[in-house]
Structure formats: C-alpha cells, structure tokens
Amino acid sequence: VISIQHRRWFSMVCRFCQVVLLLAAGVARATTETLYYPVEGTLLLRDRSPLETTEVILNGGEYRTFTKVDGSFIFHAVKPGVYLLDVLSVEHFFSQVKLNLPKTPSSPIQCLEYRYPGDAKRTADYPLRLVSPSKKQYFDQRESVGLHTLFRNPMLLMVGATGLLVFVLPKLMENMDPDEVKKMQEQMGAAQDPASFMKHIFGMNDDDDEDDSAKTTTTQKKPPRLLVLRPPPAAAAAVEGWTASEAAVAGVSQGESQGESGT
C-alpha cells in the first residue's frame, strides 16, 4: 500500500512536469509566431498650415491608411520586410521613403528618404516626419503683356519689317544711279511674270531665246537620198548586147547624171 507521503511526492512531480511542458509549448509558440510592427509618422506643410486628409500607402497599396487632423498616420500589424511608403497627395509633394522592418525586434527600423526621382539617398529618423517641399502646379502662369511679348510675335515683326522697307527704300533710291534704278524696276516688273522671273534667276535673256530659235530653224533635217540599185556594166552589156568599152562609158555617164540630179 502506497503511503500518503509518496502520493504527495508523486502529485508534485506530475505538476512540475506539466509546468515544464506548458513553458516549452509557450516558447515554441512564441518562436513560431510572426512578428508585426506598427509603422507611423507625420506629414507637415512648410507654412505649418493644417493638411487635409491624405492617403498613405505601402508597396503600391498593400497597406493603406489615412492621416489624422494633426497629419499623423499609422499602419498596424505590418510584417517584417522592405516597403516603399508613398503619400497620395493631390496638392503637395512629399518624399518617398524606403522602410526596412527587421525580423528581430531588437534591431532598429531603417529608413531611406528620396525627395524626388533621381535624388540621392538620405537616411531618415523613425518615426517618420515628412515635410512638403512645394505645392503642385498643374497649369502654367499666364505671361503679362509687355515689350518682350510683342517682339516675340512673328506677325508684328513682319509688319515692322514691311513698314521699315516702305520708309527706307525711297531714301535709298534717291541716292542711287538712274541706270541702277531702271534696272531694278525692270527686275521688279519681271518678277510679276513667272516665266520671266525664272529666266532672270537662271541668267537667261530674250536674246538667248532668239538664238535658240534660229538654231532650231537652221538645223532642220535634210530629205533622205534615194539609192537606186543598178546591175554592173558587164551584166547590162550582156543583156543589151553592148561591148565592154560601151558598157563602161554608159556606167560613167549614168553616175555623173545621178550626181548632178542629187546636188
């Protein structure tokens, strides 16, 4: 029979084993559970004016939140990893921040700030404090009318150049030689006729046209000469019963008559 004292020792050992098992299960569960971080910060304007409610996102919308009245925001239960924080403001520019949430709670959260695309990396403090550098402008400001705008207008420049020529050319023509003035007037009159204007451009005159027409009339084609094939004198003598000397004399006389008729 087991005594009462032994039962007590046996129950104490069982309870101790239960406590050890519970502690081991708690440690194992704590190691297997995922670590979460709160990501928080504040948005401010340069003139310290209140900011309207603005949406803030992580990784293009994986996590979303909105700012409060004082401009602060917070993301709850964010897993460890690397995230890009963007501020979706319609009226103001804000920096983009790269966050590195470590897997161990003892390591600090690292932040890199990009003020604008292409800017150098800058370390930022955590919790975040982002100040808007400027306000967005969707429209260009209209320029005020002045002399700089008048001189850049091509129509006004053309009118001014024409008026200058109207007043300056008569003064120049008064000091020119009469022969030069006459030649200029002829050129201006030729400019009204497109054919004459093109002739003056290429250096052609009416005399050149007359020479070309005379050349075309003189270089007409001559009428073609007709060639008459005649049998040799020996064959003709054999046919008509002529002697060789008579056939030779007849061939010479026929050649001379054909030459005279051709000329």
Protein backbone atom coordinates (compact mmCIF):
# COMPACT_ATOMS: atom_id res chain seq x y z
CA VAL A 1 0.00 0.00 0.00
CA ILE A 2 1.38 3.40 -1.07
CA SER A 3 1.58 5.81 1.78
CA ILE A 4 0.11 9.27 1.80
CA GLN A 5 3.57 10.88 1.67
CA HIS A 6 4.50 9.05 -1.52
CA ARG A 7 1.24 10.14 -3.15
CA ARG A 8 2.06 13.72 -2.32
CA TRP A 9 5.52 13.47 -3.88
CA PHE A 10 4.06 11.81 -6.97
CA SER A 11 1.46 14.60 -7.45
CA MET A 12 4.14 17.31 -7.05
CA VAL A 13 6.32 15.68 -9.72
CA CYS A 14 3.36 15.49 -12.09
CA ARG A 15 2.54 19.14 -11.57
CA PHE A 16 6.18 20.12 -12.15
CA CYS A 17 6.23 18.20 -15.43
CA GLN A 18 3.00 19.90 -16.52
CA VAL A 19 4.51 23.34 -15.83
CA VAL A 20 7.66 22.45 -17.78
CA LEU A 21 5.61 21.24 -20.71
CA LEU A 22 3.47 24.38 -20.69
CA LEU A 23 6.57 26.61 -20.63
CA ALA A 24 8.13 24.69 -23.51
CA ALA A 25 4.94 24.97 -25.57
CA GLY A 26 4.76 28.72 -24.91
CA VAL A 27 8.36 29.24 -26.00
CA ALA A 28 7.81 27.21 -29.15
CA ARG A 29 4.66 29.13 -29.96
CA ALA A 30 6.42 32.48 -29.43
CA THR A 31 9.23 31.48 -31.78
CA THR A 32 6.85 30.28 -34.48
CA GLU A 33 4.51 33.31 -34.36
CA THR A 34 5.12 36.11 -36.95
CA LEU A 35 6.42 39.44 -35.69
CA TYR A 36 4.40 42.58 -36.54
CA TYR A 37 5.40 46.24 -36.49
CA PRO A 38 3.45 49.47 -36.33
CA VAL A 39 4.65 51.97 -38.96
CA GLU A 40 3.89 55.54 -38.01
CA GLY A 41 4.83 59.07 -38.97
CA THR A 42 3.63 62.65 -39.53
CA LEU A 43 3.03 64.79 -42.62
CA LEU A 44 3.68 68.52 -42.34
CA LEU A 45 3.49 71.58 -44.60
CA ARG A 46 6.25 74.17 -44.80
CA ASP A 47 3.99 77.00 -43.65
CA ARG A 48 2.65 74.85 -40.77
CA SER A 49 -0.88 75.11 -42.14
CA PRO A 50 -3.28 72.20 -41.49
CA LEU A 51 -3.17 69.39 -44.02
CA GLU A 52 -6.33 67.88 -45.47
CA THR A 53 -6.93 64.16 -45.04
CA THR A 54 -4.36 62.36 -47.22
CA GLU A 55 -3.95 58.70 -48.10
CA VAL A 56 -0.64 56.96 -47.34
CA ILE A 57 0.21 53.55 -48.85
CA LEU A 58 2.90 50.88 -48.56
CA ASN A 59 4.15 48.92 -51.62
CA GLY A 60 1.67 50.42 -54.03
CA GLY A 61 -1.42 49.66 -51.93
CA GLU A 62 -0.55 46.52 -49.96
CA TYR A 63 -1.22 48.55 -46.81
CA ARG A 64 -3.37 51.70 -46.72
CA THR A 65 -4.13 54.34 -44.13
CA PHE A 66 -5.21 57.99 -43.84
CA THR A 67 -3.80 60.93 -41.94
CA LYS A 68 -5.49 62.42 -38.89
CA VAL A 69 -6.26 66.07 -38.22
CA ASP A 70 -2.72 66.75 -36.98
CA GLY A 71 -1.18 64.99 -40.03
CA SER A 72 -0.12 61.83 -38.19
CA PHE A 73 -0.69 58.33 -39.59
CA ILE A 74 -0.07 54.75 -38.51
CA PHE A 75 -0.07 51.28 -40.10
CA HIS A 76 -0.98 48.45 -37.75
CA ALA A 77 0.45 44.94 -37.89
CA VAL A 78 2.98 45.24 -40.70
CA LYS A 79 5.09 42.15 -41.36
CA PRO A 80 8.89 42.36 -41.47
CA GLY A 81 10.34 43.19 -44.87
CA VAL A 82 11.22 46.07 -47.20
CA TYR A 83 8.46 48.57 -48.07
CA LEU A 84 8.08 51.77 -50.08
CA LEU A 85 5.95 54.44 -48.48
CA ASP A 86 4.14 56.88 -50.82
CA VAL A 87 1.92 59.84 -49.98
CA LEU A 88 -1.01 60.22 -52.39
CA SER A 89 -1.48 63.97 -52.13
CA VAL A 90 -3.19 65.93 -54.90
CA GLU A 91 -1.90 69.37 -53.90
CA HIS A 92 1.51 68.81 -52.29
CA PHE A 93 4.75 66.98 -52.98
CA PHE A 94 6.08 64.53 -50.37
CA SER A 95 9.19 62.39 -50.27
CA GLN A 96 9.17 58.66 -50.93
CA VAL A 97 10.54 56.59 -48.05
CA LYS A 98 12.02 53.10 -48.14
CA LEU A 99 11.47 51.16 -44.88
CA ASN A 100 13.34 48.06 -43.75
CA LEU A 101 11.49 46.26 -40.96
CA PRO A 102 13.87 43.70 -39.35
CA LYS A 103 12.91 40.15 -38.45
CA THR A 104 14.21 40.54 -34.91
CA PRO A 105 12.61 43.10 -32.58
CA SER A 106 15.98 44.08 -31.16
CA SER A 107 17.14 45.58 -34.50
CA PRO A 108 16.09 49.18 -35.33
CA ILE A 109 13.86 50.14 -38.26
CA GLN A 110 15.95 51.62 -41.09
CA CYS A 111 14.57 54.42 -43.30
CA LEU A 112 15.87 55.94 -46.55
CA GLU A 113 14.28 59.10 -47.96
CA TYR A 114 14.02 60.01 -51.68
CA ARG A 115 12.92 63.63 -52.01
CA TYR A 116 12.34 63.35 -55.76
CA PRO A 117 13.11 60.76 -58.50
CA GLY A 118 16.85 60.61 -59.13
CA ASP A 119 17.79 62.28 -55.84
CA ALA A 120 20.49 60.82 -53.61
CA LYS A 121 19.51 58.57 -50.72
CA ARG A 122 19.18 60.20 -47.32
CA THR A 123 18.71 58.47 -44.01
CA ALA A 124 15.56 59.47 -42.12
CA ASP A 125 14.61 59.13 -38.48
CA TYR A 126 11.86 56.91 -37.21
CA PRO A 127 9.00 57.73 -36.51
CA LEU A 128 8.80 59.46 -39.87
CA ARG A 129 8.48 63.22 -40.19
CA LEU A 130 7.88 64.29 -43.80
CA VAL A 131 7.71 67.98 -44.76
CA SER A 132 6.29 69.00 -48.14
CA PRO A 133 8.91 70.99 -50.10
CA SER A 134 6.49 72.65 -52.55
CA LYS A 135 2.97 72.69 -53.89
CA LYS A 136 1.95 71.02 -57.15
CA GLN A 137 1.16 73.25 -60.15
CA TYR A 138 -0.95 71.80 -62.93
CA PHE A 139 -1.15 74.97 -65.06
CA ASP A 140 1.47 77.49 -66.21
CA GLN A 141 1.02 81.07 -65.15
CA ARG A 142 -0.10 83.39 -67.93
CA GLU A 143 2.57 85.86 -69.01
CA SER A 144 1.88 89.55 -68.68
CA VAL A 145 1.77 91.64 -71.85
CA GLY A 146 4.92 93.69 -72.44
CA LEU A 147 7.61 94.58 -74.95
CA HIS A 148 9.20 91.15 -74.64
CA THR A 149 5.92 89.52 -75.75
CA LEU A 150 5.46 91.98 -78.66
CA PHE A 151 8.91 91.32 -80.10
CA ARG A 152 8.31 87.58 -79.98
CA ASN A 153 5.17 87.84 -82.11
CA PRO A 154 6.04 86.92 -85.76
CA MET A 155 3.12 88.89 -87.21
CA LEU A 156 4.24 92.10 -85.53
CA LEU A 157 7.80 91.50 -86.70
CA MET A 158 6.61 91.13 -90.31
CA VAL A 159 4.55 94.33 -90.09
CA GLY A 160 7.50 96.20 -88.61
CA ALA A 161 9.90 94.96 -91.30
CA THR A 162 7.44 95.95 -94.07
CA GLY A 163 6.98 99.43 -92.63
CA LEU A 164 10.74 99.86 -92.35
CA LEU A 165 11.18 98.91 -96.01
CA VAL A 166 8.46 101.37 -97.07
CA PHE A 167 10.24 104.26 -95.39
CA VAL A 168 13.84 103.25 -96.09
CA LEU A 169 13.69 102.17 -99.77
CA PRO A 170 12.65 105.59 -101.17
CA LYS A 171 15.57 107.17 -99.32
CA LEU A 172 17.95 104.63 -100.79
CA MET A 173 16.61 105.04 -104.32
CA GLU A 174 17.16 108.83 -104.22
CA ASN A 175 20.91 108.28 -103.82
CA MET A 176 21.15 105.53 -106.48
CA ASP A 177 22.31 105.84 -110.08
CA PRO A 178 19.40 106.27 -112.57
CA ASP A 179 20.64 103.28 -114.55
CA GLU A 180 20.60 101.11 -111.46
CA VAL A 181 17.09 102.33 -110.62
CA LYS A 182 15.89 101.47 -114.14
CA LYS A 183 17.47 98.03 -113.93
CA MET A 184 15.82 97.43 -110.57
CA GLN A 185 12.44 98.45 -111.92
CA GLU A 186 12.87 96.04 -114.84
CA GLN A 187 13.69 93.24 -112.42
CA MET A 188 10.65 94.06 -110.32
CA GLY A 189 8.47 94.06 -113.42
CA ALA A 190 9.92 90.73 -114.49
CA ALA A 191 9.13 89.30 -111.08
CA GLN A 192 5.43 89.74 -111.82
CA ASP A 193 5.76 87.36 -114.80
CA PRO A 194 6.72 83.90 -113.54
CA ALA A 195 8.36 82.86 -116.83
CA SER A 196 10.50 85.99 -116.99
CA PHE A 197 11.31 85.73 -113.31
CA MET A 198 12.63 82.18 -113.78
CA LYS A 199 14.70 83.32 -116.76
CA HIS A 200 16.32 86.04 -114.66
CA ILE A 201 17.04 83.55 -111.89
CA PHE A 202 18.86 81.18 -114.25
CA GLY A 203 20.61 84.01 -116.12
CA MET A 204 18.65 83.67 -119.37
CA ASN A 205 17.68 86.62 -121.62
CA ASP A 206 15.40 87.11 -124.62
CA ASP A 207 18.48 87.19 -126.93
CA ASP A 208 19.31 83.67 -125.85
CA ASP A 209 15.78 82.59 -126.78
CA GLU A 210 16.13 84.16 -130.26
CA ASP A 211 19.47 82.41 -130.82
CA ASP A 212 17.93 79.09 -129.78
CA SER A 213 15.00 79.56 -132.17
CA ALA A 214 17.37 80.45 -135.05
CA LYS A 215 19.44 77.36 -134.36
CA THR A 216 16.38 75.15 -134.45
CA THR A 217 15.31 76.55 -137.85
CA THR A 218 18.76 76.13 -139.42
CA THR A 219 19.24 72.62 -138.10
CA GLN A 220 16.27 71.13 -139.87
CA LYS A 221 16.61 67.63 -141.20
CA LYS A 222 17.57 67.18 -144.89
CA PRO A 223 15.38 64.93 -147.05
CA PRO A 224 16.75 61.39 -147.33
CA ARG A 225 18.54 60.42 -150.58
CA LEU A 226 17.12 57.57 -152.59
CA LEU A 227 19.56 54.85 -153.55
CA VAL A 228 18.96 53.21 -156.91
CA LEU A 229 20.47 49.78 -157.35
CA ARG A 230 21.67 49.14 -160.89
CA PRO A 231 23.29 46.00 -162.28
CA PRO A 232 27.02 46.09 -163.02
CA PRO A 233 28.11 47.23 -166.56
CA ALA A 234 29.16 43.73 -167.60
CA ALA A 235 25.69 42.29 -166.80
CA ALA A 236 23.96 45.19 -168.63
CA ALA A 237 26.22 44.68 -171.65
CA ALA A 238 25.40 41.00 -171.69
CA VAL A 239 21.68 41.77 -171.59
CA GLU A 240 21.65 44.56 -174.23
CA GLY A 241 24.49 43.19 -176.37
CA TRP A 242 26.94 46.01 -175.64
CA THR A 243 30.67 45.71 -175.71
CA ALA A 244 32.72 46.09 -172.57
CA SER A 245 34.02 49.56 -173.53
CA GLU A 246 30.49 50.80 -174.38
CA ALA A 247 29.15 49.48 -171.06
CA ALA A 248 31.95 51.24 -169.11
CA VAL A 249 31.23 54.54 -170.88
CA ALA A 250 27.48 54.15 -170.19
CA GLY A 251 28.15 53.49 -166.46
CA VAL A 252 30.32 56.64 -166.14
CA SER A 253 27.73 58.84 -167.85
CA GLN A 254 24.93 57.47 -165.65
CA GLY A 255 26.96 58.10 -162.46
CA GLU A 256 27.58 61.71 -163.47
CA SER A 257 23.91 62.28 -164.25
CA GLN A 258 22.90 60.86 -160.85
CA GLY A 259 25.42 63.11 -159.10
CA GLU A 260 24.06 66.21 -160.83
CA SER A 261 20.46 65.29 -160.06
CA GLY A 262 21.37 64.67 -156.36
CA THR A 263 23.02 68.07 -155.99
